[in-house]
Amino acid sequence: MNIGPVIACLFTSALLFLFSYLIWKKQEFTLIAAFNENTFRGDKNKLANAVGFFLMTSGVLILILPLGIGIVGLIAGQVISILIILGIVILVFYINRLSKSVA
């Protein structure tokens, strides 16, 4: 197993964990792309929870990526990629519904 991809995955995962912490726990909404506090009408706590949870889950998936590829093969990389893309789609729809669900 090459050490380069493992280090890249560790670095990427650490960044995702850091951003997850900053958004989820510290409520740093400026880290969310295209977030505008003036136009967002939904619950900011739910937004922070959703984005933070997605980033943490993505960090875990990226962390286990080299191990999965080493054990299962390249199909593990494809499955993890599909899971992350599916998570992005679900997150976008959730945020869109969250911003419109204001009474």
N, C-alpha and C. Protein backbone atom coordinates (compact mmCIF):
# COMPACT_ATOMS: atom_id res chain seq x y z
N MET A 1 0.84 -1.18 0.00
CA MET A 1 0.00 0.00 0.00
C MET A 1 0.89 1.25 0.00
N ASN A 2 0.63 2.15 -0.91
CA ASN A 2 1.38 3.40 -0.98
C ASN A 2 0.98 4.31 0.17
N ILE A 3 1.95 5.06 0.66
CA ILE A 3 1.68 5.95 1.80
C ILE A 3 1.12 7.29 1.34
N GLY A 4 1.37 7.68 0.10
CA GLY A 4 0.89 8.97 -0.42
C GLY A 4 -0.62 9.13 -0.36
N PRO A 5 -1.37 8.17 -0.92
CA PRO A 5 -2.84 8.29 -0.85
C PRO A 5 -3.37 8.26 0.59
N VAL A 6 -2.71 7.53 1.46
CA VAL A 6 -3.15 7.47 2.86
C VAL A 6 -2.97 8.83 3.51
N ILE A 7 -1.83 9.48 3.26
CA ILE A 7 -1.59 10.81 3.83
C ILE A 7 -2.58 11.82 3.25
N ALA A 8 -2.84 11.73 1.95
CA ALA A 8 -3.81 12.65 1.33
C ALA A 8 -5.20 12.47 1.94
N CYS A 9 -5.60 11.23 2.16
CA CYS A 9 -6.92 10.96 2.76
C CYS A 9 -6.95 11.43 4.21
N LEU A 10 -5.88 11.24 4.95
CA LEU A 10 -5.83 11.72 6.34
C LEU A 10 -5.93 13.23 6.40
N PHE A 11 -5.20 13.93 5.51
CA PHE A 11 -5.24 15.39 5.48
C PHE A 11 -6.63 15.89 5.11
N THR A 12 -7.22 15.30 4.08
CA THR A 12 -8.57 15.70 3.65
C THR A 12 -9.59 15.43 4.75
N SER A 13 -9.49 14.29 5.36
CA SER A 13 -10.41 13.93 6.44
C SER A 13 -10.26 14.89 7.62
N ALA A 14 -9.03 15.25 7.96
CA ALA A 14 -8.81 16.18 9.06
C ALA A 14 -9.43 17.55 8.74
N LEU A 15 -9.31 18.01 7.51
CA LEU A 15 -9.93 19.27 7.13
C LEU A 15 -11.45 19.20 7.22
N LEU A 16 -12.02 18.09 6.78
CA LEU A 16 -13.47 17.92 6.87
C LEU A 16 -13.94 17.89 8.32
N PHE A 17 -13.18 17.22 9.19
CA PHE A 17 -13.52 17.21 10.61
C PHE A 17 -13.43 18.61 11.22
N LEU A 18 -12.40 19.36 10.83
CA LEU A 18 -12.25 20.73 11.33
C LEU A 18 -13.42 21.61 10.90
N PHE A 19 -13.77 21.57 9.62
CA PHE A 19 -14.89 22.38 9.14
C PHE A 19 -16.21 21.91 9.75
N SER A 20 -16.35 20.62 9.96
CA SER A 20 -17.55 20.10 10.61
C SER A 20 -17.68 20.68 12.02
N TYR A 21 -16.59 20.68 12.75
CA TYR A 21 -16.60 21.24 14.11
C TYR A 21 -16.93 22.73 14.09
N LEU A 22 -16.30 23.46 13.19
CA LEU A 22 -16.51 24.90 13.14
C LEU A 22 -17.95 25.26 12.76
N ILE A 23 -18.53 24.51 11.85
CA ILE A 23 -19.91 24.81 11.43
C ILE A 23 -20.91 24.26 12.43
N TRP A 24 -20.73 23.02 12.85
CA TRP A 24 -21.72 22.35 13.70
C TRP A 24 -21.72 22.94 15.12
N LYS A 25 -20.55 23.04 15.73
CA LYS A 25 -20.48 23.44 17.14
C LYS A 25 -20.27 24.94 17.34
N LYS A 26 -19.48 25.57 16.47
CA LYS A 26 -19.16 26.98 16.64
C LYS A 26 -20.06 27.90 15.83
N GLN A 27 -20.96 27.33 15.03
CA GLN A 27 -21.94 28.09 14.25
C GLN A 27 -21.27 29.11 13.31
N GLU A 28 -20.19 28.73 12.67
CA GLU A 28 -19.49 29.58 11.70
C GLU A 28 -20.14 29.43 10.33
N PHE A 29 -21.22 30.17 10.10
CA PHE A 29 -21.98 30.05 8.86
C PHE A 29 -21.24 30.63 7.66
N THR A 30 -20.23 31.45 7.90
CA THR A 30 -19.48 32.02 6.78
C THR A 30 -18.70 30.96 6.02
N LEU A 31 -18.50 29.79 6.61
CA LEU A 31 -17.79 28.71 5.93
C LEU A 31 -18.68 27.96 4.94
N ILE A 32 -19.98 28.17 5.00
CA ILE A 32 -20.91 27.51 4.07
C ILE A 32 -20.96 28.34 2.80
N ALA A 33 -20.69 27.71 1.68
CA ALA A 33 -20.66 28.42 0.40
C ALA A 33 -22.03 29.00 0.08
N ALA A 34 -22.04 30.22 -0.38
CA ALA A 34 -23.24 30.94 -0.84
C ALA A 34 -24.25 31.18 0.29
N PHE A 35 -23.83 31.10 1.54
CA PHE A 35 -24.74 31.39 2.64
C PHE A 35 -24.82 32.89 2.82
N ASN A 36 -26.04 33.40 2.84
CA ASN A 36 -26.27 34.82 3.07
C ASN A 36 -27.25 34.94 4.22
N GLU A 37 -26.79 35.52 5.29
CA GLU A 37 -27.62 35.62 6.50
C GLU A 37 -28.87 36.46 6.27
N ASN A 38 -28.81 37.40 5.33
CA ASN A 38 -29.96 38.26 5.07
C ASN A 38 -31.06 37.55 4.29
N THR A 39 -30.70 36.60 3.45
CA THR A 39 -31.71 35.94 2.63
C THR A 39 -32.16 34.59 3.17
N PHE A 40 -31.39 33.98 4.08
CA PHE A 40 -31.78 32.68 4.65
C PHE A 40 -32.83 32.89 5.72
N ARG A 41 -33.99 32.28 5.55
CA ARG A 41 -35.10 32.48 6.48
C ARG A 41 -35.36 31.27 7.36
N GLY A 42 -34.62 30.20 7.18
CA GLY A 42 -34.87 28.98 7.93
C GLY A 42 -34.17 28.95 9.28
N ASP A 43 -34.21 27.78 9.90
CA ASP A 43 -33.59 27.57 11.21
C ASP A 43 -32.09 27.36 11.02
N LYS A 44 -31.31 28.26 11.58
CA LYS A 44 -29.85 28.20 11.40
C LYS A 44 -29.24 27.03 12.18
N ASN A 45 -29.84 26.64 13.28
CA ASN A 45 -29.32 25.50 14.04
C ASN A 45 -29.47 24.21 13.25
N LYS A 46 -30.61 24.03 12.58
CA LYS A 46 -30.80 22.85 11.75
C LYS A 46 -29.84 22.85 10.56
N LEU A 47 -29.59 24.03 10.00
CA LEU A 47 -28.64 24.14 8.90
C LEU A 47 -27.25 23.75 9.36
N ALA A 48 -26.82 24.26 10.51
CA ALA A 48 -25.50 23.94 11.04
C ALA A 48 -25.39 22.45 11.35
N ASN A 49 -26.45 21.86 11.90
CA ASN A 49 -26.44 20.43 12.20
C ASN A 49 -26.33 19.60 10.93
N ALA A 50 -27.09 19.96 9.90
CA ALA A 50 -27.10 19.18 8.66
C ALA A 50 -25.76 19.26 7.95
N VAL A 51 -25.22 20.46 7.82
CA VAL A 51 -23.94 20.62 7.11
C VAL A 51 -22.81 20.00 7.93
N GLY A 52 -22.81 20.20 9.23
CA GLY A 52 -21.78 19.61 10.08
C GLY A 52 -21.81 18.10 10.07
N PHE A 53 -23.01 17.52 10.13
CA PHE A 53 -23.15 16.07 10.08
C PHE A 53 -22.67 15.52 8.74
N PHE A 54 -23.03 16.20 7.64
CA PHE A 54 -22.58 15.75 6.33
C PHE A 54 -21.06 15.81 6.21
N LEU A 55 -20.45 16.88 6.70
CA LEU A 55 -18.99 16.99 6.62
C LEU A 55 -18.31 15.93 7.48
N MET A 56 -18.87 15.65 8.65
CA MET A 56 -18.28 14.62 9.50
C MET A 56 -18.42 13.23 8.86
N THR A 57 -19.57 12.95 8.30
CA THR A 57 -19.78 11.67 7.63
C THR A 57 -18.84 11.53 6.43
N SER A 58 -18.68 12.60 5.67
CA SER A 58 -17.76 12.57 4.54
C SER A 58 -16.33 12.36 5.01
N GLY A 59 -15.97 12.99 6.13
CA GLY A 59 -14.63 12.80 6.69
C GLY A 59 -14.37 11.36 7.09
N VAL A 60 -15.36 10.71 7.67
CA VAL A 60 -15.21 9.31 8.05
C VAL A 60 -15.07 8.43 6.80
N LEU A 61 -15.89 8.71 5.79
CA LEU A 61 -15.81 7.93 4.55
C LEU A 61 -14.45 8.11 3.87
N ILE A 62 -13.94 9.32 3.84
CA ILE A 62 -12.62 9.57 3.24
C ILE A 62 -11.53 8.90 4.08
N LEU A 63 -11.71 8.87 5.38
CA LEU A 63 -10.73 8.25 6.27
C LEU A 63 -10.62 6.75 6.02
N ILE A 64 -11.74 6.09 5.78
CA ILE A 64 -11.70 4.65 5.56
C ILE A 64 -11.47 4.27 4.09
N LEU A 65 -11.38 5.27 3.22
CA LEU A 65 -11.20 5.00 1.79
C LEU A 65 -9.96 4.17 1.48
N PRO A 66 -8.77 4.52 1.98
CA PRO A 66 -7.60 3.69 1.64
C PRO A 66 -7.71 2.26 2.16
N LEU A 67 -8.29 2.10 3.34
CA LEU A 67 -8.47 0.76 3.90
C LEU A 67 -9.45 -0.05 3.05
N GLY A 68 -10.55 0.62 2.64
CA GLY A 68 -11.53 -0.06 1.79
C GLY A 68 -10.96 -0.48 0.46
N ILE A 69 -10.16 0.40 -0.14
CA ILE A 69 -9.54 0.06 -1.42
C ILE A 69 -8.53 -1.07 -1.25
N GLY A 70 -7.81 -1.05 -0.13
CA GLY A 70 -6.83 -2.11 0.12
C GLY A 70 -7.47 -3.47 0.35
N ILE A 71 -8.62 -3.50 0.98
CA ILE A 71 -9.28 -4.77 1.30
C ILE A 71 -10.19 -5.23 0.17
N VAL A 72 -11.09 -4.35 -0.27
CA VAL A 72 -12.12 -4.73 -1.24
C VAL A 72 -11.66 -4.51 -2.67
N GLY A 73 -10.92 -3.44 -2.88
CA GLY A 73 -10.50 -3.09 -4.23
C GLY A 73 -11.12 -1.76 -4.65
N LEU A 74 -11.03 -1.46 -5.92
CA LEU A 74 -11.49 -0.18 -6.43
C LEU A 74 -13.00 0.02 -6.32
N ILE A 75 -13.74 -1.06 -6.16
CA ILE A 75 -15.19 -0.93 -6.00
C ILE A 75 -15.52 -0.14 -4.74
N ALA A 76 -14.66 -0.22 -3.72
CA ALA A 76 -14.89 0.54 -2.49
C ALA A 76 -14.82 2.04 -2.77
N GLY A 77 -13.89 2.45 -3.61
CA GLY A 77 -13.79 3.86 -3.98
C GLY A 77 -15.02 4.34 -4.72
N GLN A 78 -15.54 3.49 -5.59
CA GLN A 78 -16.74 3.85 -6.33
C GLN A 78 -17.94 3.95 -5.40
N VAL A 79 -18.08 3.04 -4.47
CA VAL A 79 -19.20 3.06 -3.53
C VAL A 79 -19.12 4.29 -2.64
N ILE A 80 -17.93 4.61 -2.15
CA ILE A 80 -17.78 5.79 -1.29
C ILE A 80 -18.06 7.06 -2.07
N SER A 81 -17.63 7.11 -3.32
CA SER A 81 -17.92 8.28 -4.17
C SER A 81 -19.41 8.46 -4.38
N ILE A 82 -20.10 7.36 -4.65
CA ILE A 82 -21.55 7.42 -4.85
C ILE A 82 -22.25 7.86 -3.56
N LEU A 83 -21.80 7.37 -2.41
CA LEU A 83 -22.40 7.77 -1.14
C LEU A 83 -22.21 9.25 -0.87
N ILE A 84 -21.03 9.79 -1.17
CA ILE A 84 -20.80 11.21 -0.94
C ILE A 84 -21.63 12.06 -1.89
N ILE A 85 -21.72 11.66 -3.16
CA ILE A 85 -22.54 12.41 -4.12
C ILE A 85 -24.00 12.35 -3.73
N LEU A 86 -24.48 11.20 -3.32
CA LEU A 86 -25.85 11.06 -2.86
C LEU A 86 -26.10 11.93 -1.63
N GLY A 87 -25.13 12.00 -0.72
CA GLY A 87 -25.24 12.86 0.45
C GLY A 87 -25.32 14.33 0.07
N ILE A 88 -24.56 14.74 -0.94
CA ILE A 88 -24.61 16.13 -1.40
C ILE A 88 -25.99 16.46 -1.95
N VAL A 89 -26.54 15.56 -2.75
CA VAL A 89 -27.87 15.80 -3.33
C VAL A 89 -28.92 15.90 -2.24
N ILE A 90 -28.88 15.00 -1.28
CA ILE A 90 -29.84 15.02 -0.18
C ILE A 90 -29.67 16.30 0.65
N LEU A 91 -28.42 16.71 0.89
CA LEU A 91 -28.16 17.92 1.67
C LEU A 91 -28.70 19.16 0.96
N VAL A 92 -28.51 19.24 -0.35
CA VAL A 92 -29.01 20.39 -1.11
C VAL A 92 -30.53 20.46 -1.03
N PHE A 93 -31.21 19.33 -1.22
CA PHE A 93 -32.66 19.34 -1.12
C PHE A 93 -33.13 19.67 0.29
N TYR A 94 -32.43 19.19 1.30
CA TYR A 94 -32.80 19.48 2.69
C TYR A 94 -32.63 20.96 3.00
N ILE A 95 -31.52 21.54 2.58
CA ILE A 95 -31.28 22.97 2.83
C ILE A 95 -32.32 23.81 2.09
N ASN A 96 -32.65 23.42 0.87
CA ASN A 96 -33.66 24.14 0.11
C ASN A 96 -35.01 24.07 0.82
N ARG A 97 -35.37 22.90 1.30
CA ARG A 97 -36.64 22.75 2.02
C ARG A 97 -36.59 23.49 3.35
N LEU A 98 -35.44 23.50 3.99
CA LEU A 98 -35.27 24.19 5.27
C LEU A 98 -35.42 25.69 5.12
N SER A 99 -34.92 26.23 4.03
CA SER A 99 -34.99 27.69 3.85
C SER A 99 -36.40 28.13 3.44
N LYS A 100 -37.20 27.20 2.93
CA LYS A 100 -38.57 27.56 2.53
C LYS A 100 -39.60 27.24 3.61
N SER A 101 -39.20 26.54 4.67
CA SER A 101 -40.17 26.08 5.67
C SER A 101 -40.35 27.08 6.81
N VAL A 102 -40.28 28.34 6.50
CA VAL A 102 -40.50 29.36 7.53
C VAL A 102 -41.96 29.75 7.55
N ALA A 103 -42.50 29.84 8.72
CA ALA A 103 -43.93 30.19 8.83
C ALA A 103 -44.17 31.67 8.72
